[in-house]
Amino acid sequence: MPKAYVLMNCDLGSEKQVIASLKNIEGIKEAHGTLGLYDIVAQIESDTEEKIREIVTVTVRNMPKIHSTVTLTRSESGELFQASEKLIGMMLGQNLARAYVVIHCDNGEEYTTLKNLSHIPEVKEADVVFGFYDVICKIEASDEKTLDHILTKAIRSLPHIKTSMTLKIINEQES
């Protein structure tokens, strides 16, 4: 199924309202406020690439409080990642600290990076993407200290990663 991630900047203080509006758009699977270079990250899934393009260009980019967007279209995903683990952790309320990480890799090493990420249990999803970045992954941990350890010790020490940027999800902006 076609999938994309949209990184957005919006009016200061409007994040919660924009996130609520995004969650009402058909095709938007997730939307979260983040700390980092972008204010909001949204994950879009649809039956066709054209529908994703329409959601981004016609709907999201025309929302009055959104100033800029960066769209990362999935190239290939991880059947490497177990959805059941993610669901169990969320149902038990164990994943209180969450973040997205966007990664620049050495040329040609995107799939190696994806495979390496699949060995880190806290990485719940990861995709090779087209756009400004090469790989995006979602991390869920039981607490901030564990999340920080995964970010600084596990992910940043993987081979073939040139740079990474972390977007920590702001739990207070969740509806």
Protein backbone atom coordinates (compact mmCIF):
# COMPACT_ATOMS: atom_id res chain seq x y z
CA MET A 1 0.00 0.00 0.00
CA PRO A 2 1.42 3.43 -0.88
CA LYS A 3 2.58 5.43 2.12
CA ALA A 4 4.08 8.84 2.80
CA TYR A 5 5.19 10.97 5.71
CA VAL A 6 4.58 14.71 5.80
CA LEU A 7 6.71 16.93 8.04
CA MET A 8 4.99 20.28 8.68
CA ASN A 9 5.43 23.69 10.24
CA CYS A 10 2.36 25.62 11.39
CA ASP A 11 1.27 28.73 13.28
CA LEU A 12 2.73 28.86 16.77
CA GLY A 13 0.15 27.57 19.25
CA SER A 14 -2.10 25.99 16.61
CA GLU A 15 -0.49 22.53 16.70
CA LYS A 16 -3.23 20.79 18.67
CA GLN A 17 -5.96 22.19 16.39
CA VAL A 18 -4.04 21.28 13.22
CA ILE A 19 -3.36 17.75 14.52
CA ALA A 20 -7.07 17.26 15.28
CA SER A 21 -7.97 18.47 11.76
CA LEU A 22 -5.36 16.21 10.17
CA LYS A 23 -6.71 13.16 12.03
CA ASN A 24 -10.12 13.79 10.39
CA ILE A 25 -8.70 13.55 6.86
CA GLU A 26 -9.28 10.21 5.17
CA GLY A 27 -5.93 8.51 4.53
CA ILE A 28 -4.05 10.11 7.42
CA LYS A 29 -3.13 7.19 9.65
CA GLU A 30 -1.29 9.19 12.34
CA ALA A 31 -0.55 12.83 13.16
CA HIS A 32 1.65 13.98 16.05
CA GLY A 33 3.11 17.20 17.38
CA THR A 34 6.88 17.05 17.61
CA LEU A 35 9.85 18.81 19.17
CA GLY A 36 12.49 19.52 16.57
CA LEU A 37 12.81 21.22 13.21
CA TYR A 38 9.18 20.41 12.33
CA ASP A 39 6.04 21.01 14.39
CA ILE A 40 3.98 18.06 13.16
CA VAL A 41 4.57 14.72 11.47
CA ALA A 42 1.75 12.85 9.73
CA GLN A 43 1.69 9.39 8.18
CA ILE A 44 -0.53 8.88 5.14
CA GLU A 45 -1.63 5.57 3.61
CA SER A 46 -3.87 5.20 0.59
CA ASP A 47 -4.70 2.81 -2.23
CA THR A 48 -2.81 4.87 -4.81
CA GLU A 49 0.12 7.28 -5.03
CA GLU A 50 -2.22 9.73 -6.78
CA LYS A 51 -4.55 9.79 -3.77
CA ILE A 52 -1.60 10.49 -1.46
CA ARG A 53 -0.47 13.31 -3.75
CA GLU A 54 -4.02 14.73 -3.66
CA ILE A 55 -4.20 14.53 0.15
CA VAL A 56 -0.91 16.42 0.46
CA THR A 57 -1.30 19.01 -2.29
CA VAL A 58 -5.04 19.71 -2.19
CA THR A 59 -5.91 19.15 1.46
CA VAL A 60 -2.88 19.45 3.76
CA ARG A 61 -1.01 22.23 1.97
CA ASN A 62 -4.21 24.30 1.75
CA MET A 63 -4.88 24.20 5.49
CA PRO A 64 -4.67 27.85 6.61
CA LYS A 65 -2.41 27.32 9.63
CA ILE A 66 0.22 25.19 7.82
CA HIS A 67 3.17 27.18 6.47
CA SER A 68 5.42 24.53 4.96
CA THR A 69 5.58 20.81 4.28
CA VAL A 70 8.22 18.24 3.39
CA THR A 71 6.80 15.02 1.93
CA LEU A 72 8.72 11.75 2.13
CA THR A 73 7.26 9.02 -0.09
CA ARG A 74 7.93 5.44 0.92
CA SER A 75 10.15 3.45 -1.37
CA GLU A 76 9.99 0.20 0.54
CA SER A 77 9.01 -0.80 4.00
CA GLY A 78 9.77 -3.16 6.65
CA GLU A 79 8.02 -6.40 6.65
CA LEU A 80 11.00 -6.51 9.00
CA PHE A 81 8.88 -4.88 11.71
CA GLN A 82 6.31 -6.76 13.77
CA ALA A 83 2.99 -4.92 14.08
CA SER A 84 1.92 -7.20 16.93
CA GLU A 85 4.74 -5.95 19.19
CA LYS A 86 3.69 -2.37 18.55
CA LEU A 87 0.05 -3.07 19.37
CA ILE A 88 0.88 -4.99 22.56
CA GLY A 89 3.10 -2.17 23.82
CA MET A 90 0.44 0.44 23.13
CA MET A 91 -2.33 -1.64 24.74
CA LEU A 92 -0.24 -2.11 27.88
CA GLY A 93 0.57 1.59 27.95
CA GLN A 94 4.28 0.83 27.87
CA ASN A 95 5.33 3.16 25.08
CA LEU A 96 5.19 6.54 26.78
CA ALA A 97 8.18 8.08 24.99
CA ARG A 98 8.01 8.23 21.20
CA ALA A 99 9.94 9.85 18.37
CA TYR A 100 10.44 9.82 14.64
CA VAL A 101 14.01 9.88 13.33
CA VAL A 102 14.87 10.92 9.79
CA ILE A 103 18.22 9.67 8.52
CA HIS A 104 20.71 10.47 5.76
CA CYS A 105 22.66 7.31 4.81
CA ASP A 106 25.72 6.56 2.75
CA ASN A 107 24.71 6.17 -0.91
CA GLY A 108 23.26 2.75 -1.61
CA GLU A 109 23.06 1.77 2.07
CA GLU A 110 19.40 2.60 2.72
CA TYR A 111 18.21 -1.01 2.83
CA THR A 112 21.16 -2.07 4.98
CA THR A 113 20.19 0.70 7.40
CA LEU A 114 16.56 -0.48 7.35
CA LYS A 115 17.68 -4.01 8.18
CA ASN A 116 19.96 -2.76 10.98
CA LEU A 117 17.08 -0.73 12.46
CA SER A 118 14.91 -3.87 12.48
CA HIS A 119 17.24 -5.37 15.11
CA ILE A 120 16.44 -2.58 17.60
CA PRO A 121 13.24 -3.65 19.41
CA GLU A 122 12.14 -0.09 20.13
CA VAL A 123 12.08 0.75 16.40
CA LYS A 124 8.47 -0.09 15.60
CA GLU A 125 8.37 1.06 11.97
CA ALA A 126 10.90 2.15 9.38
CA ASP A 127 10.77 2.99 5.71
CA VAL A 128 13.20 3.89 2.97
CA VAL A 129 11.83 7.14 1.54
CA PHE A 130 12.24 9.44 -1.44
CA GLY A 131 12.65 13.09 -0.58
CA PHE A 132 15.05 15.12 1.50
CA TYR A 133 15.91 12.13 3.73
CA ASP A 134 16.72 8.47 3.03
CA VAL A 135 15.09 6.59 5.92
CA ILE A 136 12.45 7.43 8.51
CA CYS A 137 11.75 5.35 11.59
CA LYS A 138 9.38 5.47 14.54
CA ILE A 139 10.69 4.63 17.99
CA GLU A 140 8.57 3.78 21.04
CA ALA A 141 10.10 3.32 24.48
CA SER A 142 8.83 2.94 28.03
CA ASP A 143 10.36 6.23 29.19
CA GLU A 144 12.42 9.24 28.06
CA LYS A 145 15.70 7.85 29.42
CA THR A 146 15.31 4.66 27.38
CA LEU A 147 14.32 6.67 24.30
CA ASP A 148 17.40 8.90 24.68
CA HIS A 149 19.61 5.82 25.03
CA ILE A 150 18.17 4.26 21.86
CA LEU A 151 18.66 7.53 19.96
CA THR A 152 22.20 8.25 21.12
CA LYS A 153 23.70 4.79 21.59
CA ALA A 154 21.82 2.42 19.28
CA ILE A 155 20.72 4.39 16.21
CA ARG A 156 23.56 6.89 15.92
CA SER A 157 26.13 4.11 16.23
CA LEU A 158 24.78 2.12 13.28
CA PRO A 159 27.10 1.92 10.27
CA HIS A 160 26.36 3.96 7.12
CA ILE A 161 24.41 6.72 8.90
CA LYS A 162 25.74 10.15 7.93
CA THR A 163 23.28 12.31 9.89
CA SER A 164 20.02 11.97 11.75
CA MET A 165 17.37 14.31 13.09
CA THR A 166 15.03 13.41 15.92
CA LEU A 167 11.44 14.61 16.16
CA LYS A 168 10.20 13.75 19.66
CA ILE A 169 6.44 13.30 19.84
CA ILE A 170 4.73 15.66 22.29
CA ASN A 171 2.25 13.56 24.25
CA GLU A 172 0.39 16.65 25.54
CA GLN A 173 -0.72 17.46 21.98
CA GLU A 174 -2.42 14.09 21.52
CA SER A 175 -6.21 14.25 21.52
